[in-house]
């Protein structure tokens, strides 16, 4: 029951408290560390840059895993008060790897700017969420960007960490979050990061392969529960998920587009869905509702059963 309580506690903490930006957040620590060591991997030799990127990614990820394994060893002492304390601490730690409220907050900031007819501010805020030039976007493409970001980050920000927590406990969730942080910082195909970030970007693709696909179909179930177009979600996954350059991101985005009967479009890159392109705040509210139900369902039908099954066979490491 202890790891199950940690998973439930983490979700409740996130839904109630959100994800305040602070320099003491573990992801912020990892990001700061990455930013400090990446310059040491720079070289005029592409092969050396790749090797440097591999060493840095493995070293920092390994350090994070070691710290969390040590925490689990220390917290395995059979003492009631310590156990209760570790459930609380474990819930707080796992909560730092997920961001349900954060996805809602950052998307709402863009939507609020649109509602105030401040498209320039909306474009600037959207630029913090997506990897695209937002300067020339109209209102509908801005809203599309918000919905795309929300759906894609269901995996990165919630179900991915929960998936690996279900398999490997807190070390699994934090290793996932660390690799994801590497990818968001250096996983770009440009002259600066194409070599240094090569290993991190490909590692991120690998670790997201399974949770992205499970999440897509959990979203279909969530759409059914909230009365959205679950058949459309299923159909759009089948027809359009492969339209994105990422082998994983298109799945939750296609599910969202189909469920909301909309069409998402990143100009000159992809389109997902065949519904309306006239997007507004109601679509955002529906997207957030779908996202929250998906996250709760994922914990209930993927994370918790994984813990129970693997605990039964003696694999799962936990408090």
Protein backbone atom coordinates (compact mmCIF):
# COMPACT_ATOMS: atom_id res chain seq x y z
CA UNK A 1 0.00 0.00 0.00
CA UNK A 2 2.89 2.42 0.65
CA UNK A 3 3.88 3.11 -2.99
CA UNK A 4 0.20 3.29 -3.94
CA UNK A 5 -0.36 5.91 -1.25
CA UNK A 6 2.65 7.84 -2.56
CA UNK A 7 1.22 7.86 -6.10
CA UNK A 8 -2.21 8.98 -4.92
CA UNK A 9 -0.69 11.54 -2.56
CA UNK A 10 1.45 13.03 -5.33
CA UNK A 11 -1.55 13.55 -7.60
CA UNK A 12 -3.63 15.07 -4.82
CA UNK A 13 -0.78 17.42 -3.87
CA UNK A 14 -0.42 18.54 -7.46
CA UNK A 15 -4.13 19.11 -7.96
CA UNK A 16 -4.36 21.12 -4.73
CA UNK A 17 -1.05 23.00 -4.67
CA UNK A 18 0.04 23.12 -8.29
CA UNK A 19 3.67 23.45 -9.27
CA UNK A 20 5.13 26.76 -8.02
CA UNK A 21 8.30 27.94 -9.72
CA UNK A 22 11.17 27.89 -7.25
CA UNK A 23 14.92 27.43 -7.41
CA UNK A 24 14.54 24.65 -4.83
CA UNK A 25 12.49 22.47 -7.20
CA UNK A 26 14.44 19.27 -8.05
CA UNK A 27 13.90 19.84 -11.78
CA UNK A 28 15.33 23.35 -11.38
CA UNK A 29 18.39 21.88 -9.65
CA UNK A 30 18.89 19.38 -12.45
CA UNK A 31 18.39 22.10 -15.07
CA UNK A 32 20.96 24.33 -13.39
CA UNK A 33 23.45 21.47 -13.20
CA UNK A 34 22.93 20.64 -16.88
CA UNK A 35 23.43 24.28 -17.87
CA UNK A 36 26.71 24.42 -15.92
CA UNK A 37 28.29 21.27 -17.36
CA UNK A 38 27.10 21.34 -20.99
CA UNK A 39 29.73 23.94 -22.04
CA UNK A 40 32.46 21.41 -21.17
CA UNK A 41 31.16 19.14 -23.94
CA UNK A 42 31.55 21.78 -26.65
CA UNK A 43 34.12 20.94 -29.31
CA UNK A 44 34.88 21.57 -32.96
CA UNK A 45 34.87 17.80 -33.42
CA UNK A 46 31.28 16.44 -33.80
CA UNK A 47 32.24 12.99 -32.49
CA UNK A 48 33.79 14.45 -29.35
CA UNK A 49 30.65 16.53 -28.82
CA UNK A 50 28.48 13.42 -29.09
CA UNK A 51 30.67 11.53 -26.64
CA UNK A 52 30.62 14.49 -24.26
CA UNK A 53 26.83 14.66 -24.47
CA UNK A 54 26.56 10.94 -23.75
CA UNK A 55 28.90 11.15 -20.74
CA UNK A 56 27.10 14.17 -19.26
CA UNK A 57 23.63 12.69 -19.78
CA UNK A 58 24.55 9.33 -18.24
CA UNK A 59 26.51 10.91 -15.36
CA UNK A 60 23.80 13.32 -14.21
CA UNK A 61 21.01 10.78 -14.73
CA UNK A 62 23.05 8.21 -12.80
CA UNK A 63 23.65 10.67 -9.97
CA UNK A 64 19.92 11.39 -9.71
CA UNK A 65 19.13 7.66 -9.72
CA UNK A 66 21.74 7.00 -7.01
CA UNK A 67 20.34 9.69 -4.72
CA UNK A 68 16.80 8.31 -5.05
CA UNK A 69 17.96 4.71 -4.51
CA UNK A 70 19.74 5.82 -1.33
CA UNK A 71 16.54 7.53 -0.20
CA UNK A 72 14.58 4.31 -0.73
CA UNK A 73 17.19 2.26 1.16
CA UNK A 74 17.13 4.66 4.11
CA UNK A 75 13.34 4.76 4.14
CA UNK A 76 12.99 0.97 4.12
CA UNK A 77 13.50 0.78 7.89
CA UNK A 78 10.53 -0.94 9.53
CA UNK A 79 9.30 1.86 11.79
CA UNK A 80 5.76 3.24 11.77
CA UNK A 81 6.63 6.91 12.28
CA UNK A 82 9.43 6.74 9.73
CA UNK A 83 7.15 4.94 7.28
CA UNK A 84 4.47 7.62 7.58
CA UNK A 85 7.13 10.31 7.18
CA UNK A 86 8.50 8.61 4.08
CA UNK A 87 5.02 8.37 2.55
CA UNK A 88 4.67 12.13 2.96
CA UNK A 89 8.19 12.85 1.68
CA UNK A 90 7.78 10.33 -1.14
CA UNK A 91 4.51 11.96 -2.21
CA UNK A 92 6.18 15.38 -2.25
CA UNK A 93 9.12 14.05 -4.26
CA UNK A 94 6.94 12.27 -6.80
CA UNK A 95 4.73 15.35 -7.03
CA UNK A 96 7.77 17.34 -8.25
CA UNK A 97 7.93 15.11 -11.33
CA UNK A 98 4.34 15.77 -12.42
CA UNK A 99 2.55 18.98 -13.40
CA UNK A 100 -1.20 18.61 -13.92
CA UNK A 101 -1.99 22.04 -12.51
CA UNK A 102 1.07 23.46 -14.23
CA UNK A 103 -0.24 22.45 -17.65
CA UNK A 104 -3.52 24.17 -16.85
CA UNK A 105 -1.87 27.31 -15.49
CA UNK A 106 0.56 27.92 -18.35
CA UNK A 107 -2.09 27.28 -20.98
CA UNK A 108 -4.55 29.54 -19.19
CA UNK A 109 -2.07 32.39 -19.23
CA UNK A 110 -2.02 32.29 -23.02
CA UNK A 111 -5.81 31.99 -23.21
CA UNK A 112 -6.28 34.92 -20.82
CA UNK A 113 -4.14 37.08 -23.11
CA UNK A 114 -6.32 36.09 -26.06
CA UNK A 115 -9.50 36.92 -24.13
CA UNK A 116 -8.01 40.34 -23.43
CA UNK A 117 -7.35 40.74 -27.18
CA UNK A 118 -3.63 40.97 -26.46
CA UNK A 119 -2.35 38.67 -29.19
CA UNK A 120 1.24 39.88 -28.88
CA UNK A 121 1.34 38.86 -25.23
CA UNK A 122 -0.35 35.57 -26.12
CA UNK A 123 2.35 34.89 -28.73
CA UNK A 124 5.11 35.63 -26.23
CA UNK A 125 3.55 33.35 -23.62
CA UNK A 126 3.00 30.58 -26.17
CA UNK A 127 6.66 30.80 -27.17
CA UNK A 128 7.50 29.56 -23.67
CA UNK A 129 5.44 26.41 -24.26
CA UNK A 130 6.18 25.34 -27.85
CA UNK A 131 9.16 24.91 -30.15
CA UNK A 132 8.03 27.17 -32.98
CA UNK A 133 8.12 30.75 -34.16
CA UNK A 134 4.95 32.29 -32.75
CA UNK A 135 5.32 35.82 -34.13
CA UNK A 136 3.20 35.31 -37.26
CA UNK A 137 0.46 33.15 -35.73
CA UNK A 138 -3.19 34.17 -35.77
CA UNK A 139 -5.61 33.53 -32.90
CA UNK A 140 -6.66 30.05 -34.00
CA UNK A 141 -3.07 28.89 -34.47
CA UNK A 142 -2.18 30.26 -31.03
CA UNK A 143 -5.02 28.29 -29.43
CA UNK A 144 -3.99 25.24 -31.46
CA UNK A 145 -0.48 25.61 -30.04
CA UNK A 146 -1.85 25.69 -26.50
CA UNK A 147 -3.95 22.57 -27.05
CA UNK A 148 -1.08 20.76 -28.75
CA UNK A 149 1.27 21.61 -25.89
CA UNK A 150 -1.29 20.52 -23.30
CA UNK A 151 -1.89 17.17 -24.95
CA UNK A 152 1.77 16.40 -25.71
CA UNK A 153 2.83 17.28 -22.18
CA UNK A 154 0.31 14.92 -20.63
CA UNK A 155 2.99 12.32 -21.26
CA UNK A 156 6.06 14.40 -20.42
CA UNK A 157 4.50 16.05 -17.40
CA UNK A 158 2.34 13.35 -15.85
CA UNK A 159 1.86 9.88 -17.30
CA UNK A 160 5.52 9.33 -18.20
CA UNK A 161 6.74 9.82 -14.62
CA UNK A 162 3.78 7.81 -13.28
CA UNK A 163 4.55 4.98 -15.70
CA UNK A 164 8.15 4.66 -14.56
CA UNK A 165 7.21 5.13 -10.92
CA UNK A 166 4.91 2.13 -11.34
CA UNK A 167 7.84 0.08 -12.61
CA UNK A 168 10.86 1.35 -10.65
CA UNK A 169 9.64 3.61 -7.86
CA UNK A 170 10.97 7.10 -7.26
CA UNK A 171 14.29 6.39 -9.04
CA UNK A 172 12.33 5.49 -12.18
CA UNK A 173 10.22 8.67 -12.06
CA UNK A 174 13.26 10.89 -11.48
CA UNK A 175 15.39 9.25 -14.17
CA UNK A 176 12.53 9.83 -16.60
CA UNK A 177 12.19 13.46 -15.54
CA UNK A 178 15.97 14.01 -15.80
CA UNK A 179 16.17 12.64 -19.35
CA UNK A 180 13.11 14.69 -20.27
CA UNK A 181 14.79 17.80 -18.86
CA UNK A 182 17.91 17.07 -20.90
CA UNK A 183 15.78 16.77 -24.04
CA UNK A 184 13.92 20.02 -23.38
CA UNK A 185 17.22 21.88 -22.85
CA UNK A 186 19.58 20.40 -25.46
CA UNK A 187 17.50 18.04 -27.63
CA UNK A 188 17.46 20.38 -30.62
CA UNK A 189 18.56 19.71 -34.19
CA UNK A 190 20.59 22.89 -34.62
CA UNK A 191 24.23 23.86 -34.89
CA UNK A 192 24.57 24.31 -31.13
CA UNK A 193 22.98 21.15 -29.75
CA UNK A 194 22.61 18.62 -32.60
CA UNK A 195 25.67 16.65 -31.42
CA UNK A 196 25.68 17.32 -27.68
CA UNK A 197 21.94 16.64 -27.40
CA UNK A 198 21.85 13.66 -29.76
CA UNK A 199 21.97 11.01 -27.03
CA UNK A 200 19.50 12.80 -24.75
CA UNK A 201 17.00 13.37 -27.57
CA UNK A 202 17.09 9.73 -28.64
CA UNK A 203 16.92 8.51 -25.05
CA UNK A 204 13.80 10.63 -24.59
CA UNK A 205 12.22 9.05 -27.67
CA UNK A 206 12.92 5.57 -26.33
CA UNK A 207 11.59 6.11 -22.80
CA UNK A 208 8.44 7.80 -24.14
CA UNK A 209 7.61 5.10 -26.68
CA UNK A 210 5.46 2.92 -24.40
CA UNK A 211 3.87 5.55 -22.10
CA UNK A 212 2.89 7.75 -25.07
CA UNK A 213 0.96 4.90 -26.67
CA UNK A 214 -0.72 3.82 -23.45
CA UNK A 215 -1.63 7.44 -22.73
CA UNK A 216 -3.23 7.85 -26.14
CA UNK A 217 -5.66 5.03 -25.49
CA UNK A 218 -6.30 6.09 -21.91
CA UNK A 219 -7.30 9.46 -23.43
CA UNK A 220 -9.84 7.63 -25.57
CA UNK A 221 -11.35 6.13 -22.41
CA UNK A 222 -11.25 9.54 -20.71
CA UNK A 223 -13.05 11.07 -23.69
CA UNK A 224 -15.77 8.45 -23.33
CA UNK A 225 -16.18 9.27 -19.63
CA UNK A 226 -16.47 13.04 -20.08
CA UNK A 227 -18.75 12.77 -23.11
CA UNK A 228 -16.21 13.89 -25.71
CA UNK A 229 -15.83 12.22 -29.12
CA UNK A 230 -13.98 9.05 -28.15
CA UNK A 231 -14.54 7.48 -31.56
CA UNK A 232 -13.03 10.57 -33.16
CA UNK A 233 -10.06 10.32 -30.79
CA UNK A 234 -9.50 6.69 -31.74
CA UNK A 235 -9.85 7.39 -35.45
CA UNK A 236 -7.51 10.38 -35.36
CA UNK A 237 -4.83 8.40 -33.53
CA UNK A 238 -5.04 5.77 -36.25
CA UNK A 239 -5.00 8.22 -39.16
CA UNK A 240 -2.91 11.19 -38.03
CA UNK A 241 -0.60 10.27 -35.12
CA UNK A 242 2.21 9.52 -37.58
CA UNK A 243 2.02 13.01 -39.13
CA UNK A 244 4.43 14.53 -36.58
CA UNK A 245 8.20 14.20 -36.85
CA UNK A 246 8.25 12.79 -33.32
CA UNK A 247 7.27 9.12 -33.12
CA UNK A 248 5.54 9.76 -29.80
CA UNK A 249 4.13 13.30 -29.60
CA UNK A 250 1.55 12.79 -32.33
CA UNK A 251 -0.35 10.15 -30.36
CA UNK A 252 -1.70 12.22 -27.44
CA UNK A 253 -2.09 15.26 -29.72
CA UNK A 254 -4.14 13.24 -32.23
CA UNK A 255 -6.25 11.83 -29.40
CA UNK A 256 -6.96 15.34 -28.13
CA UNK A 257 -7.76 16.74 -31.59
CA UNK A 258 -10.18 13.91 -32.33
CA UNK A 259 -11.83 14.00 -28.91
CA UNK A 260 -12.51 17.75 -29.20
CA UNK A 261 -13.56 17.49 -32.86
CA UNK A 262 -10.89 20.02 -33.81
CA UNK A 263 -7.96 20.35 -36.16
CA UNK A 264 -4.49 21.11 -34.79
CA UNK A 265 -1.97 22.62 -37.16
CA UNK A 266 1.69 23.51 -36.92
CA UNK A 267 2.25 25.48 -40.12
CA UNK A 268 4.50 23.71 -42.65
CA UNK A 269 4.91 20.73 -40.32
CA UNK A 270 1.72 18.79 -39.61
CA UNK A 271 -2.03 18.83 -39.12
CA UNK A 272 -3.97 16.53 -36.84
CA UNK A 273 -7.71 15.92 -36.97
CA UNK A 274 -10.38 16.98 -39.43
CA UNK A 275 -12.65 19.10 -37.21
CA UNK A 276 -13.06 22.81 -36.66
CA UNK A 277 -10.16 25.26 -36.79
CA UNK A 278 -12.21 27.98 -35.08
CA UNK A 279 -10.79 27.44 -31.61
CA UNK A 280 -11.56 29.23 -28.36
CA UNK A 281 -11.65 29.08 -24.56
CA UNK A 282 -14.31 26.36 -24.50
CA UNK A 283 -11.94 24.05 -26.35
CA UNK A 284 -9.24 24.82 -23.80
CA UNK A 285 -11.58 24.03 -20.89
CA UNK A 286 -12.51 20.72 -22.51
CA UNK A 287 -8.85 19.94 -23.09
CA UNK A 288 -8.01 20.54 -19.42
CA UNK A 289 -10.92 18.35 -18.32
CA UNK A 290 -9.76 15.59 -20.66
CA UNK A 291 -6.19 15.96 -19.43
CA UNK A 292 -7.13 15.71 -15.74
CA UNK A 293 -9.38 12.68 -16.22
CA UNK A 294 -6.66 11.00 -18.32
CA UNK A 295 -4.06 11.51 -15.59
CA UNK A 296 -6.30 10.14 -12.84
CA UNK A 297 -7.31 7.17 -14.99
CA UNK A 298 -3.68 6.45 -15.89
CA UNK A 299 -2.75 6.27 -12.23
CA UNK A 300 -5.72 4.02 -11.50
CA UNK A 301 -5.45 1.57 -14.41
CA UNK A 302 -1.71 1.63 -15.20
CA UNK A 303 0.45 2.83 -12.29
CA UNK A 304 -1.33 1.15 -9.38
CA UNK A 305 -1.84 -2.22 -11.15
CA UNK A 306 1.86 -2.14 -12.12
CA UNK A 307 2.85 -1.66 -8.48
CA UNK A 308 0.54 -4.45 -7.32
CA UNK A 309 1.66 -6.91 -9.99
CA UNK A 310 5.37 -6.25 -9.64
CA UNK A 311 5.19 -6.25 -5.84
CA UNK A 312 3.52 -9.66 -6.08
CA UNK A 313 6.36 -11.09 -8.16
CA UNK A 314 8.97 -9.42 -5.96
CA UNK A 315 10.39 -6.96 -8.54
CA UNK A 316 9.15 -3.59 -7.37
CA UNK A 317 11.51 -1.53 -5.17
CA UNK A 318 9.66 0.80 -2.86
CA UNK A 319 9.56 2.46 0.54
